[in-house]
Amino acid sequence: MLQFERKMGCTTADLLRWLPEALGELYPHTSLFVDGQLLRDVHNPRLQIFGSSQPKRKIALLEIPVLEVNLRFSEDWTESDCQSVLNRFDLYTRRGGG
């Protein structure tokens, strides 16, 4: 089983809203647990995402939520397959300014 970690500047609600686009065709085959709570349940998931809310980051008056995410791919995934999914996931979930 291959697994990858991300530290994200978002809430659980943000992640739930982003996942359908961030995962595309993989979304219906993805389960999601955040803070020990099952939020998306699928039979034989190809991807399991486990999230843990962390203390907010504070920069002056700005507060940024922090969600640590562990993405676990099923046994039949190659490193290359996982990287393709992660590239899309990162593109859809990273916030930028400018």
N, C-alpha and C. Protein backbone atom coordinates (compact mmCIF):
# COMPACT_ATOMS: atom_id res chain seq x y z
N MET A 1 0.85 -1.18 0.00
CA MET A 1 0.00 0.00 0.00
C MET A 1 0.90 1.24 0.00
N LEU A 2 0.67 2.12 -0.95
CA LEU A 2 1.42 3.36 -1.02
C LEU A 2 0.64 4.46 -0.31
N GLN A 3 1.35 5.28 0.45
CA GLN A 3 0.68 6.37 1.14
C GLN A 3 1.52 7.64 1.08
N PHE A 4 0.82 8.76 1.08
CA PHE A 4 1.44 10.07 0.94
C PHE A 4 0.77 11.03 1.90
N GLU A 5 1.53 12.01 2.37
CA GLU A 5 0.99 12.98 3.33
C GLU A 5 1.01 14.38 2.75
N ARG A 6 0.04 15.16 3.15
CA ARG A 6 -0.07 16.56 2.78
C ARG A 6 -0.50 17.34 4.02
N LYS A 7 0.06 18.52 4.19
CA LYS A 7 -0.42 19.45 5.22
C LYS A 7 -1.12 20.57 4.46
N MET A 8 -2.42 20.68 4.66
CA MET A 8 -3.23 21.57 3.84
C MET A 8 -3.78 22.74 4.66
N GLY A 9 -3.90 23.88 4.02
CA GLY A 9 -4.48 25.06 4.64
C GLY A 9 -5.95 25.14 4.32
N CYS A 10 -6.74 24.23 4.89
CA CYS A 10 -8.18 24.19 4.60
C CYS A 10 -8.93 23.54 5.76
N THR A 11 -10.23 23.69 5.70
CA THR A 11 -11.11 23.02 6.67
C THR A 11 -11.61 21.71 6.06
N THR A 12 -12.26 20.91 6.85
CA THR A 12 -12.88 19.69 6.35
C THR A 12 -13.93 20.01 5.30
N ALA A 13 -14.71 21.07 5.52
CA ALA A 13 -15.73 21.48 4.55
C ALA A 13 -15.09 21.86 3.21
N ASP A 14 -13.95 22.56 3.26
CA ASP A 14 -13.24 22.91 2.02
C ASP A 14 -12.84 21.64 1.27
N LEU A 15 -12.24 20.71 2.00
CA LEU A 15 -11.77 19.47 1.38
C LEU A 15 -12.93 18.71 0.73
N LEU A 16 -14.04 18.60 1.44
CA LEU A 16 -15.22 17.91 0.89
C LEU A 16 -15.71 18.58 -0.40
N ARG A 17 -15.65 19.88 -0.44
CA ARG A 17 -16.10 20.63 -1.61
C ARG A 17 -15.14 20.44 -2.79
N TRP A 18 -13.84 20.33 -2.52
CA TRP A 18 -12.82 20.21 -3.55
C TRP A 18 -12.66 18.80 -4.11
N LEU A 19 -12.95 17.78 -3.30
CA LEU A 19 -12.62 16.41 -3.70
C LEU A 19 -13.19 15.94 -5.03
N PRO A 20 -14.44 16.20 -5.37
CA PRO A 20 -14.94 15.68 -6.66
C PRO A 20 -14.09 16.13 -7.85
N GLU A 21 -13.71 17.40 -7.88
CA GLU A 21 -12.87 17.89 -8.99
C GLU A 21 -11.42 17.46 -8.82
N ALA A 22 -10.95 17.45 -7.59
CA ALA A 22 -9.54 17.11 -7.34
C ALA A 22 -9.22 15.66 -7.69
N LEU A 23 -10.22 14.77 -7.56
CA LEU A 23 -9.98 13.35 -7.81
C LEU A 23 -10.59 12.85 -9.11
N GLY A 24 -11.49 13.60 -9.69
CA GLY A 24 -12.08 13.20 -10.97
C GLY A 24 -12.74 11.83 -10.89
N GLU A 25 -12.39 10.93 -11.80
CA GLU A 25 -13.00 9.60 -11.88
C GLU A 25 -12.71 8.72 -10.66
N LEU A 26 -11.71 9.08 -9.88
CA LEU A 26 -11.37 8.32 -8.69
C LEU A 26 -12.30 8.64 -7.51
N TYR A 27 -12.96 9.79 -7.56
CA TYR A 27 -13.80 10.23 -6.43
C TYR A 27 -14.83 9.19 -5.98
N PRO A 28 -15.58 8.55 -6.90
CA PRO A 28 -16.57 7.57 -6.44
C PRO A 28 -15.96 6.35 -5.75
N HIS A 29 -14.65 6.18 -5.86
CA HIS A 29 -13.96 5.02 -5.29
C HIS A 29 -13.07 5.42 -4.11
N THR A 30 -13.43 6.55 -3.49
CA THR A 30 -12.62 7.11 -2.41
C THR A 30 -13.40 7.20 -1.11
N SER A 31 -12.79 6.72 -0.02
CA SER A 31 -13.40 6.89 1.30
C SER A 31 -12.66 8.01 2.03
N LEU A 32 -13.36 8.66 2.95
CA LEU A 32 -12.79 9.80 3.66
C LEU A 32 -13.14 9.71 5.15
N PHE A 33 -12.10 9.79 5.98
CA PHE A 33 -12.24 9.84 7.43
C PHE A 33 -11.53 11.12 7.89
N VAL A 34 -12.19 11.94 8.68
CA VAL A 34 -11.55 13.13 9.23
C VAL A 34 -11.84 13.18 10.72
N ASP A 35 -10.79 13.32 11.50
CA ASP A 35 -10.90 13.37 12.96
C ASP A 35 -11.68 12.18 13.50
N GLY A 36 -11.43 11.00 12.92
CA GLY A 36 -12.05 9.76 13.37
C GLY A 36 -13.49 9.58 12.91
N GLN A 37 -13.99 10.49 12.11
CA GLN A 37 -15.38 10.41 11.65
C GLN A 37 -15.40 10.02 10.16
N LEU A 38 -16.21 9.02 9.85
CA LEU A 38 -16.36 8.56 8.47
C LEU A 38 -17.28 9.54 7.73
N LEU A 39 -16.72 10.20 6.70
CA LEU A 39 -17.49 11.19 5.95
C LEU A 39 -17.90 10.69 4.56
N ARG A 40 -17.14 9.75 4.01
CA ARG A 40 -17.47 9.12 2.73
C ARG A 40 -17.13 7.64 2.84
N ASP A 41 -18.12 6.81 2.66
CA ASP A 41 -17.93 5.37 2.78
C ASP A 41 -18.17 4.71 1.42
N VAL A 42 -17.21 3.96 0.94
CA VAL A 42 -17.37 3.21 -0.31
C VAL A 42 -16.87 1.78 -0.08
N HIS A 43 -17.48 0.85 -0.79
CA HIS A 43 -17.08 -0.54 -0.70
C HIS A 43 -15.78 -0.74 -1.48
N ASN A 44 -14.78 -1.36 -0.89
CA ASN A 44 -13.47 -1.60 -1.51
C ASN A 44 -12.87 -0.34 -2.13
N PRO A 45 -12.58 0.66 -1.31
CA PRO A 45 -12.04 1.91 -1.87
C PRO A 45 -10.68 1.70 -2.54
N ARG A 46 -10.46 2.43 -3.62
CA ARG A 46 -9.16 2.43 -4.29
C ARG A 46 -8.24 3.44 -3.62
N LEU A 47 -8.85 4.43 -2.96
CA LEU A 47 -8.11 5.46 -2.23
C LEU A 47 -8.82 5.72 -0.92
N GLN A 48 -8.04 5.73 0.16
CA GLN A 48 -8.57 6.10 1.47
C GLN A 48 -7.85 7.37 1.90
N ILE A 49 -8.62 8.36 2.33
CA ILE A 49 -8.04 9.61 2.81
C ILE A 49 -8.37 9.76 4.28
N PHE A 50 -7.34 9.98 5.08
CA PHE A 50 -7.49 10.17 6.52
C PHE A 50 -7.01 11.57 6.85
N GLY A 51 -7.88 12.37 7.48
CA GLY A 51 -7.52 13.74 7.84
C GLY A 51 -7.54 13.96 9.33
N SER A 52 -6.72 14.91 9.75
CA SER A 52 -6.66 15.26 11.16
C SER A 52 -6.53 16.78 11.28
N SER A 53 -7.51 17.40 11.92
CA SER A 53 -7.47 18.85 12.12
C SER A 53 -6.37 19.20 13.10
N GLN A 54 -5.62 20.23 12.77
CA GLN A 54 -4.50 20.69 13.60
C GLN A 54 -4.79 22.12 14.05
N PRO A 55 -4.01 22.61 15.02
CA PRO A 55 -4.21 24.02 15.44
C PRO A 55 -4.02 24.97 14.25
N LYS A 56 -4.82 26.02 14.24
CA LYS A 56 -4.72 27.02 13.17
C LYS A 56 -3.37 27.72 13.21
N ARG A 57 -2.88 28.09 12.02
CA ARG A 57 -1.68 28.92 11.93
C ARG A 57 -2.11 30.37 12.06
N LYS A 58 -1.36 31.13 12.82
CA LYS A 58 -1.68 32.55 13.00
C LYS A 58 -0.53 33.38 12.46
N ILE A 59 -0.90 34.32 11.59
CA ILE A 59 0.06 35.27 11.05
C ILE A 59 -0.59 36.65 11.27
N ALA A 60 -0.09 37.37 12.25
CA ALA A 60 -0.70 38.63 12.67
C ALA A 60 -2.18 38.36 12.99
N LEU A 61 -3.11 39.00 12.29
CA LEU A 61 -4.53 38.79 12.56
C LEU A 61 -5.14 37.69 11.69
N LEU A 62 -4.33 37.14 10.80
CA LEU A 62 -4.81 36.09 9.88
C LEU A 62 -4.71 34.71 10.54
N GLU A 63 -5.79 33.94 10.47
CA GLU A 63 -5.80 32.57 10.96
C GLU A 63 -6.05 31.63 9.79
N ILE A 64 -5.17 30.64 9.62
CA ILE A 64 -5.30 29.68 8.52
C ILE A 64 -5.56 28.30 9.11
N PRO A 65 -6.65 27.64 8.70
CA PRO A 65 -6.90 26.28 9.20
C PRO A 65 -5.83 25.32 8.69
N VAL A 66 -5.58 24.27 9.44
CA VAL A 66 -4.59 23.27 9.03
C VAL A 66 -5.24 21.89 9.13
N LEU A 67 -5.13 21.14 8.03
CA LEU A 67 -5.65 19.78 7.98
C LEU A 67 -4.54 18.88 7.47
N GLU A 68 -4.07 17.97 8.32
CA GLU A 68 -3.08 16.99 7.87
C GLU A 68 -3.82 15.85 7.20
N VAL A 69 -3.39 15.48 6.00
CA VAL A 69 -4.08 14.48 5.21
C VAL A 69 -3.12 13.37 4.83
N ASN A 70 -3.57 12.12 5.00
CA ASN A 70 -2.81 10.94 4.60
C ASN A 70 -3.63 10.24 3.52
N LEU A 71 -3.04 10.11 2.33
CA LEU A 71 -3.72 9.45 1.21
C LEU A 71 -3.13 8.06 1.05
N ARG A 72 -3.97 7.03 1.14
CA ARG A 72 -3.52 5.63 1.05
C ARG A 72 -4.17 4.97 -0.16
N PHE A 73 -3.32 4.56 -1.10
CA PHE A 73 -3.78 3.94 -2.32
C PHE A 73 -3.82 2.42 -2.16
N SER A 74 -4.78 1.77 -2.81
CA SER A 74 -4.89 0.31 -2.72
C SER A 74 -3.66 -0.35 -3.34
N GLU A 75 -3.52 -1.63 -3.08
CA GLU A 75 -2.33 -2.41 -3.45
C GLU A 75 -1.99 -2.39 -4.95
N ASP A 76 -2.98 -2.25 -5.82
CA ASP A 76 -2.75 -2.37 -7.26
C ASP A 76 -2.21 -1.09 -7.91
N TRP A 77 -1.95 -0.06 -7.14
CA TRP A 77 -1.44 1.20 -7.68
C TRP A 77 0.08 1.18 -7.79
N THR A 78 0.59 1.76 -8.87
CA THR A 78 2.04 1.95 -9.01
C THR A 78 2.39 3.34 -8.49
N GLU A 79 3.64 3.57 -8.25
CA GLU A 79 4.10 4.89 -7.80
C GLU A 79 3.74 5.95 -8.85
N SER A 80 3.89 5.60 -10.11
CA SER A 80 3.58 6.53 -11.20
C SER A 80 2.09 6.87 -11.24
N ASP A 81 1.23 5.86 -11.06
CA ASP A 81 -0.22 6.10 -11.02
C ASP A 81 -0.58 7.04 -9.87
N CYS A 82 0.02 6.77 -8.71
CA CYS A 82 -0.25 7.61 -7.54
C CYS A 82 0.19 9.04 -7.79
N GLN A 83 1.35 9.20 -8.41
CA GLN A 83 1.86 10.55 -8.66
C GLN A 83 0.95 11.33 -9.59
N SER A 84 0.37 10.67 -10.57
CA SER A 84 -0.58 11.34 -11.46
C SER A 84 -1.79 11.86 -10.69
N VAL A 85 -2.31 11.04 -9.79
CA VAL A 85 -3.46 11.45 -8.96
C VAL A 85 -3.05 12.59 -8.04
N LEU A 86 -1.88 12.48 -7.43
CA LEU A 86 -1.42 13.52 -6.51
C LEU A 86 -1.19 14.85 -7.22
N ASN A 87 -0.68 14.80 -8.44
CA ASN A 87 -0.48 16.04 -9.20
C ASN A 87 -1.80 16.77 -9.40
N ARG A 88 -2.83 16.02 -9.77
CA ARG A 88 -4.16 16.63 -9.96
C ARG A 88 -4.71 17.11 -8.62
N PHE A 89 -4.59 16.29 -7.59
CA PHE A 89 -5.07 16.64 -6.26
C PHE A 89 -4.42 17.96 -5.80
N ASP A 90 -3.11 18.05 -5.96
CA ASP A 90 -2.39 19.26 -5.54
C ASP A 90 -2.84 20.48 -6.35
N LEU A 91 -3.03 20.30 -7.63
CA LEU A 91 -3.46 21.40 -8.50
C LEU A 91 -4.81 21.96 -8.06
N TYR A 92 -5.73 21.09 -7.67
CA TYR A 92 -7.08 21.52 -7.30
C TYR A 92 -7.20 21.99 -5.85
N THR A 93 -6.27 21.60 -4.99
CA THR A 93 -6.44 21.91 -3.58
C THR A 93 -5.48 22.96 -3.04
N ARG A 94 -4.47 23.31 -3.77
CA ARG A 94 -3.53 24.33 -3.28
C ARG A 94 -4.07 25.71 -3.55
N ARG A 95 -4.00 26.54 -2.53
CA ARG A 95 -4.43 27.92 -2.68
C ARG A 95 -3.21 28.75 -3.02
N GLY A 96 -3.44 29.73 -3.81
CA GLY A 96 -2.34 30.63 -4.17
C GLY A 96 -2.80 32.07 -4.16
N GLY A 97 -1.87 32.92 -4.09
CA GLY A 97 -2.21 34.34 -4.12
C GLY A 97 -1.50 35.00 -5.29
N GLY A 98 -1.87 36.22 -5.53
CA GLY A 98 -1.13 36.93 -6.59
C GLY A 98 -2.04 37.55 -7.60
